[in-house]
N, C-alpha and C. Protein backbone atom coordinates (compact mmCIF):
# COMPACT_ATOMS: atom_id res chain seq x y z
N UNK A 1 0.84 -1.17 0.00
CA UNK A 1 0.00 0.00 0.00
C UNK A 1 0.89 1.24 0.00
N UNK A 2 0.36 2.31 -0.54
CA UNK A 2 1.08 3.58 -0.61
C UNK A 2 0.25 4.68 0.03
N UNK A 3 0.93 5.70 0.52
CA UNK A 3 0.29 6.93 0.98
C UNK A 3 0.91 8.06 0.19
N UNK A 4 0.05 8.90 -0.39
CA UNK A 4 0.52 10.04 -1.18
C UNK A 4 -0.12 11.31 -0.61
N UNK A 5 0.63 12.41 -0.63
CA UNK A 5 0.09 13.67 -0.13
C UNK A 5 0.37 14.81 -1.08
N UNK A 6 -0.54 15.77 -1.03
CA UNK A 6 -0.37 17.02 -1.73
C UNK A 6 -1.07 18.10 -0.91
N UNK A 7 -0.84 19.35 -1.26
CA UNK A 7 -1.51 20.46 -0.60
C UNK A 7 -2.07 21.40 -1.65
N UNK A 8 -3.15 22.08 -1.28
CA UNK A 8 -3.79 23.09 -2.13
C UNK A 8 -4.18 24.28 -1.26
N UNK A 9 -4.59 25.36 -1.90
CA UNK A 9 -4.85 26.60 -1.18
C UNK A 9 -6.21 26.66 -0.50
N UNK A 10 -7.19 25.91 -1.00
CA UNK A 10 -8.54 26.05 -0.45
C UNK A 10 -9.19 24.70 -0.15
N UNK A 11 -10.14 24.71 0.74
CA UNK A 11 -10.90 23.50 1.07
C UNK A 11 -11.67 22.97 -0.15
N UNK A 12 -12.35 23.82 -0.91
CA UNK A 12 -13.04 23.28 -2.10
C UNK A 12 -12.10 22.59 -3.09
N UNK A 13 -10.90 23.15 -3.29
CA UNK A 13 -9.93 22.48 -4.18
C UNK A 13 -9.54 21.12 -3.61
N UNK A 14 -9.31 21.07 -2.31
CA UNK A 14 -8.93 19.80 -1.67
C UNK A 14 -10.06 18.78 -1.80
N UNK A 15 -11.27 19.20 -1.50
CA UNK A 15 -12.41 18.29 -1.60
C UNK A 15 -12.62 17.79 -3.02
N UNK A 16 -12.41 18.67 -4.00
CA UNK A 16 -12.56 18.26 -5.41
C UNK A 16 -11.55 17.18 -5.78
N UNK A 17 -10.27 17.40 -5.46
CA UNK A 17 -9.23 16.41 -5.80
C UNK A 17 -9.48 15.09 -5.07
N UNK A 18 -9.84 15.18 -3.79
CA UNK A 18 -10.10 13.97 -3.01
C UNK A 18 -11.27 13.18 -3.58
N UNK A 19 -12.36 13.86 -3.84
CA UNK A 19 -13.56 13.20 -4.35
C UNK A 19 -13.33 12.58 -5.72
N UNK A 20 -12.67 13.30 -6.60
CA UNK A 20 -12.42 12.79 -7.95
C UNK A 20 -11.52 11.55 -7.92
N UNK A 21 -10.53 11.56 -7.05
CA UNK A 21 -9.63 10.40 -6.95
C UNK A 21 -10.40 9.14 -6.52
N UNK A 22 -11.36 9.32 -5.62
CA UNK A 22 -12.18 8.18 -5.18
C UNK A 22 -13.13 7.75 -6.29
N UNK A 23 -13.79 8.71 -6.92
CA UNK A 23 -14.74 8.39 -7.98
C UNK A 23 -14.08 7.68 -9.16
N UNK A 24 -12.81 8.03 -9.44
CA UNK A 24 -12.08 7.41 -10.54
C UNK A 24 -11.35 6.14 -10.11
N UNK A 25 -11.55 5.72 -8.88
CA UNK A 25 -10.95 4.50 -8.33
C UNK A 25 -9.41 4.55 -8.35
N UNK A 26 -8.86 5.75 -8.18
CA UNK A 26 -7.41 5.91 -8.15
C UNK A 26 -6.86 5.79 -6.73
N UNK A 27 -7.71 5.98 -5.74
CA UNK A 27 -7.33 5.84 -4.33
C UNK A 27 -8.50 5.16 -3.62
N UNK A 28 -8.19 4.48 -2.52
CA UNK A 28 -9.26 3.84 -1.75
C UNK A 28 -9.78 4.76 -0.64
N UNK A 29 -8.99 5.78 -0.30
CA UNK A 29 -9.38 6.73 0.73
C UNK A 29 -8.63 8.04 0.46
N UNK A 30 -9.30 9.14 0.73
CA UNK A 30 -8.66 10.45 0.63
C UNK A 30 -9.14 11.28 1.81
N UNK A 31 -8.20 11.78 2.58
CA UNK A 31 -8.53 12.57 3.77
C UNK A 31 -8.06 14.00 3.56
N UNK A 32 -8.91 14.95 3.92
CA UNK A 32 -8.60 16.37 3.80
C UNK A 32 -8.39 16.92 5.21
N UNK A 33 -7.25 17.58 5.40
CA UNK A 33 -6.91 18.18 6.69
C UNK A 33 -6.55 19.64 6.50
N UNK A 34 -6.91 20.45 7.46
CA UNK A 34 -6.49 21.84 7.39
C UNK A 34 -7.40 22.72 8.22
N UNK A 35 -7.14 23.97 8.19
CA UNK A 35 -6.04 24.57 7.42
C UNK A 35 -4.68 24.36 8.10
N UNK A 36 -3.66 24.28 7.26
CA UNK A 36 -2.26 24.20 7.69
C UNK A 36 -1.61 25.54 7.41
N UNK A 37 -0.57 25.85 8.13
CA UNK A 37 0.20 27.06 7.85
C UNK A 37 1.57 26.61 7.35
N UNK A 38 1.79 26.78 6.06
CA UNK A 38 3.02 26.34 5.41
C UNK A 38 4.01 27.49 5.29
N UNK A 39 5.26 27.20 5.60
CA UNK A 39 6.36 28.17 5.48
C UNK A 39 7.34 27.61 4.45
N UNK A 40 7.65 28.40 3.41
CA UNK A 40 8.54 27.92 2.35
C UNK A 40 9.09 29.12 1.57
N UNK A 41 10.08 28.84 0.74
CA UNK A 41 10.62 29.87 -0.14
C UNK A 41 10.05 29.61 -1.53
N UNK A 42 9.44 30.64 -2.12
CA UNK A 42 8.88 30.53 -3.47
C UNK A 42 9.33 31.75 -4.26
N UNK A 43 9.95 31.49 -5.40
CA UNK A 43 10.47 32.54 -6.28
C UNK A 43 11.34 33.53 -5.51
N UNK A 44 12.21 32.98 -4.66
CA UNK A 44 13.19 33.78 -3.93
C UNK A 44 12.67 34.52 -2.71
N UNK A 45 11.43 34.29 -2.33
CA UNK A 45 10.85 35.00 -1.20
C UNK A 45 10.30 34.02 -0.17
N UNK A 46 10.55 34.32 1.10
CA UNK A 46 9.96 33.53 2.16
C UNK A 46 8.45 33.75 2.12
N UNK A 47 7.72 32.65 2.18
CA UNK A 47 6.27 32.71 2.05
C UNK A 47 5.62 31.93 3.19
N UNK A 48 4.53 32.44 3.69
CA UNK A 48 3.67 31.73 4.63
C UNK A 48 2.30 31.69 4.00
N UNK A 49 1.74 30.49 3.88
CA UNK A 49 0.45 30.34 3.21
C UNK A 49 -0.43 29.37 3.97
N UNK A 50 -1.73 29.61 3.91
CA UNK A 50 -2.68 28.65 4.45
C UNK A 50 -2.95 27.62 3.35
N UNK A 51 -2.86 26.35 3.72
CA UNK A 51 -3.09 25.28 2.76
C UNK A 51 -3.91 24.17 3.40
N UNK A 52 -4.41 23.31 2.55
CA UNK A 52 -5.15 22.12 2.96
C UNK A 52 -4.41 20.91 2.42
N UNK A 53 -4.21 19.91 3.26
CA UNK A 53 -3.49 18.70 2.86
C UNK A 53 -4.49 17.59 2.50
N UNK A 54 -4.18 16.90 1.42
CA UNK A 54 -4.95 15.72 1.03
C UNK A 54 -4.01 14.53 1.16
N UNK A 55 -4.44 13.53 1.92
CA UNK A 55 -3.69 12.30 2.07
C UNK A 55 -4.48 11.20 1.37
N UNK A 56 -3.84 10.58 0.39
CA UNK A 56 -4.46 9.50 -0.38
C UNK A 56 -3.88 8.17 0.06
N UNK A 57 -4.72 7.17 0.21
CA UNK A 57 -4.28 5.80 0.45
C UNK A 57 -4.61 5.03 -0.82
N UNK A 58 -3.62 4.35 -1.36
CA UNK A 58 -3.81 3.70 -2.65
C UNK A 58 -2.99 2.43 -2.78
N UNK A 59 -3.39 1.61 -3.72
CA UNK A 59 -2.64 0.40 -4.05
C UNK A 59 -1.59 0.76 -5.08
N UNK A 60 -0.45 0.07 -5.05
CA UNK A 60 0.65 0.42 -5.96
C UNK A 60 0.26 0.45 -7.43
N UNK A 61 -0.66 -0.40 -7.84
CA UNK A 61 -1.04 -0.43 -9.25
C UNK A 61 -1.79 0.82 -9.70
N UNK A 62 -2.18 1.67 -8.77
CA UNK A 62 -2.88 2.91 -9.12
C UNK A 62 -1.99 4.15 -8.97
N UNK A 63 -0.73 3.94 -8.63
CA UNK A 63 0.18 5.08 -8.37
C UNK A 63 0.37 5.95 -9.61
N UNK A 64 0.62 5.37 -10.74
CA UNK A 64 0.85 6.16 -11.96
C UNK A 64 -0.41 6.93 -12.36
N UNK A 65 -1.56 6.29 -12.27
CA UNK A 65 -2.80 6.95 -12.63
C UNK A 65 -3.14 8.10 -11.70
N UNK A 66 -2.95 7.90 -10.39
CA UNK A 66 -3.23 8.98 -9.44
C UNK A 66 -2.26 10.13 -9.64
N UNK A 67 -1.00 9.82 -9.85
CA UNK A 67 0.00 10.87 -10.08
C UNK A 67 -0.35 11.68 -11.32
N UNK A 68 -0.71 11.00 -12.40
CA UNK A 68 -1.08 11.71 -13.64
C UNK A 68 -2.31 12.58 -13.42
N UNK A 69 -3.30 12.05 -12.70
CA UNK A 69 -4.50 12.84 -12.44
C UNK A 69 -4.16 14.08 -11.62
N UNK A 70 -3.44 13.91 -10.52
CA UNK A 70 -3.11 15.04 -9.64
C UNK A 70 -2.31 16.09 -10.39
N UNK A 71 -1.29 15.67 -11.13
CA UNK A 71 -0.47 16.65 -11.85
C UNK A 71 -1.24 17.35 -12.96
N UNK A 72 -2.26 16.71 -13.51
CA UNK A 72 -3.07 17.34 -14.54
C UNK A 72 -4.15 18.25 -13.99
N UNK A 73 -4.65 17.95 -12.80
CA UNK A 73 -5.79 18.70 -12.24
C UNK A 73 -5.39 19.67 -11.14
N UNK A 74 -4.18 19.58 -10.65
CA UNK A 74 -3.74 20.39 -9.51
C UNK A 74 -3.67 21.87 -9.89
N UNK A 75 -4.13 22.76 -9.01
CA UNK A 75 -4.10 24.19 -9.33
C UNK A 75 -2.72 24.83 -9.24
N UNK A 76 -1.74 24.19 -8.60
CA UNK A 76 -0.41 24.78 -8.46
C UNK A 76 0.45 24.45 -9.68
N UNK A 77 1.35 25.36 -10.04
CA UNK A 77 2.32 25.09 -11.11
C UNK A 77 3.30 24.00 -10.71
N UNK A 78 3.68 23.98 -9.43
CA UNK A 78 4.63 23.00 -8.90
C UNK A 78 4.01 22.35 -7.67
N UNK A 79 3.14 21.37 -7.85
CA UNK A 79 2.48 20.77 -6.69
C UNK A 79 3.42 19.88 -5.88
N UNK A 80 3.21 19.92 -4.58
CA UNK A 80 3.87 18.92 -3.72
C UNK A 80 3.26 17.57 -4.09
N UNK A 81 4.08 16.58 -4.31
CA UNK A 81 3.58 15.22 -4.55
C UNK A 81 4.57 14.27 -3.91
N UNK A 82 4.18 13.73 -2.77
CA UNK A 82 5.04 12.82 -2.01
C UNK A 82 4.33 11.48 -1.88
N UNK A 83 5.03 10.42 -2.25
CA UNK A 83 4.47 9.07 -2.17
C UNK A 83 5.38 8.24 -1.28
N UNK A 84 4.77 7.56 -0.31
CA UNK A 84 5.51 6.75 0.65
C UNK A 84 4.97 5.33 0.64
N UNK A 85 5.88 4.36 0.62
CA UNK A 85 5.48 2.97 0.71
C UNK A 85 5.22 2.63 2.18
N UNK A 86 4.09 2.02 2.45
CA UNK A 86 3.72 1.64 3.80
C UNK A 86 4.40 0.32 4.15
N UNK A 87 5.03 0.28 5.28
CA UNK A 87 5.76 -0.92 5.71
C UNK A 87 4.82 -2.03 6.20
N UNK A 88 3.74 -1.65 6.85
CA UNK A 88 2.83 -2.65 7.41
C UNK A 88 1.40 -2.14 7.29
N UNK A 89 0.50 -3.04 6.88
CA UNK A 89 -0.91 -2.69 6.73
C UNK A 89 -1.72 -3.79 7.41
N UNK A 90 -2.70 -3.40 8.20
CA UNK A 90 -3.57 -4.39 8.84
C UNK A 90 -4.26 -5.24 7.78
N UNK A 91 -4.39 -6.53 8.05
CA UNK A 91 -4.96 -7.46 7.07
C UNK A 91 -6.38 -7.07 6.67
N UNK A 92 -7.21 -6.70 7.63
CA UNK A 92 -8.60 -6.33 7.31
C UNK A 92 -8.64 -5.07 6.45
N UNK A 93 -7.80 -4.10 6.77
CA UNK A 93 -7.78 -2.86 5.99
C UNK A 93 -7.31 -3.13 4.57
N UNK A 94 -6.28 -3.95 4.42
CA UNK A 94 -5.76 -4.28 3.09
C UNK A 94 -6.80 -5.05 2.28
N UNK A 95 -7.53 -5.96 2.91
CA UNK A 95 -8.60 -6.69 2.22
C UNK A 95 -9.68 -5.73 1.75
N UNK A 96 -10.04 -4.77 2.61
CA UNK A 96 -11.02 -3.76 2.23
C UNK A 96 -10.51 -2.94 1.04
N UNK A 97 -9.24 -2.55 1.10
CA UNK A 97 -8.65 -1.73 0.03
C UNK A 97 -8.63 -2.48 -1.30
N UNK A 98 -8.46 -3.78 -1.25
CA UNK A 98 -8.38 -4.58 -2.48
C UNK A 98 -9.75 -5.00 -3.02
N UNK A 99 -10.81 -4.77 -2.24
CA UNK A 99 -12.16 -5.18 -2.67
C UNK A 99 -12.57 -4.40 -3.92
N UNK A 100 -13.30 -5.06 -4.82
CA UNK A 100 -13.75 -4.36 -6.04
C UNK A 100 -14.61 -3.15 -5.71
N UNK A 101 -14.44 -2.08 -6.48
CA UNK A 101 -15.18 -0.85 -6.25
C UNK A 101 -16.00 -0.45 -7.48
N UNK A 102 -16.04 -1.28 -8.48
CA UNK A 102 -16.71 -0.88 -9.73
C UNK A 102 -18.21 -0.69 -9.58
N UNK A 103 -18.83 -1.29 -8.56
CA UNK A 103 -20.28 -1.17 -8.41
C UNK A 103 -20.70 -0.02 -7.48
N UNK A 104 -19.78 0.82 -7.10
CA UNK A 104 -20.08 1.93 -6.20
C UNK A 104 -20.87 3.00 -6.95
N UNK A 105 -21.91 3.49 -6.34
CA UNK A 105 -22.72 4.56 -6.92
C UNK A 105 -22.31 5.90 -6.34
N UNK A 106 -22.08 6.88 -7.22
CA UNK A 106 -21.70 8.23 -6.77
C UNK A 106 -22.77 9.21 -7.13
């Protein structure tokens, strides 16, 4: 299993990316957290911005598709995109994550 994260400027943007990833079966779960206060250097200037974090839980076979979707739909020119391999996953959670989702109604 993998966990991927990105950040966006607004809650509606975060909810849109999270919802679309689930509807397209690219992630099994997407959690929106925020607001966060991010400190970084952008275009040579120290910046502090309010952002919302989206954490995606996904199976490895969906990593390329989710990455392509996020990079194509993300509102930032240079989006944060961090993917981490999970060392251990509970058996019940992994079984749930692997269950077919094609019959889900949205």
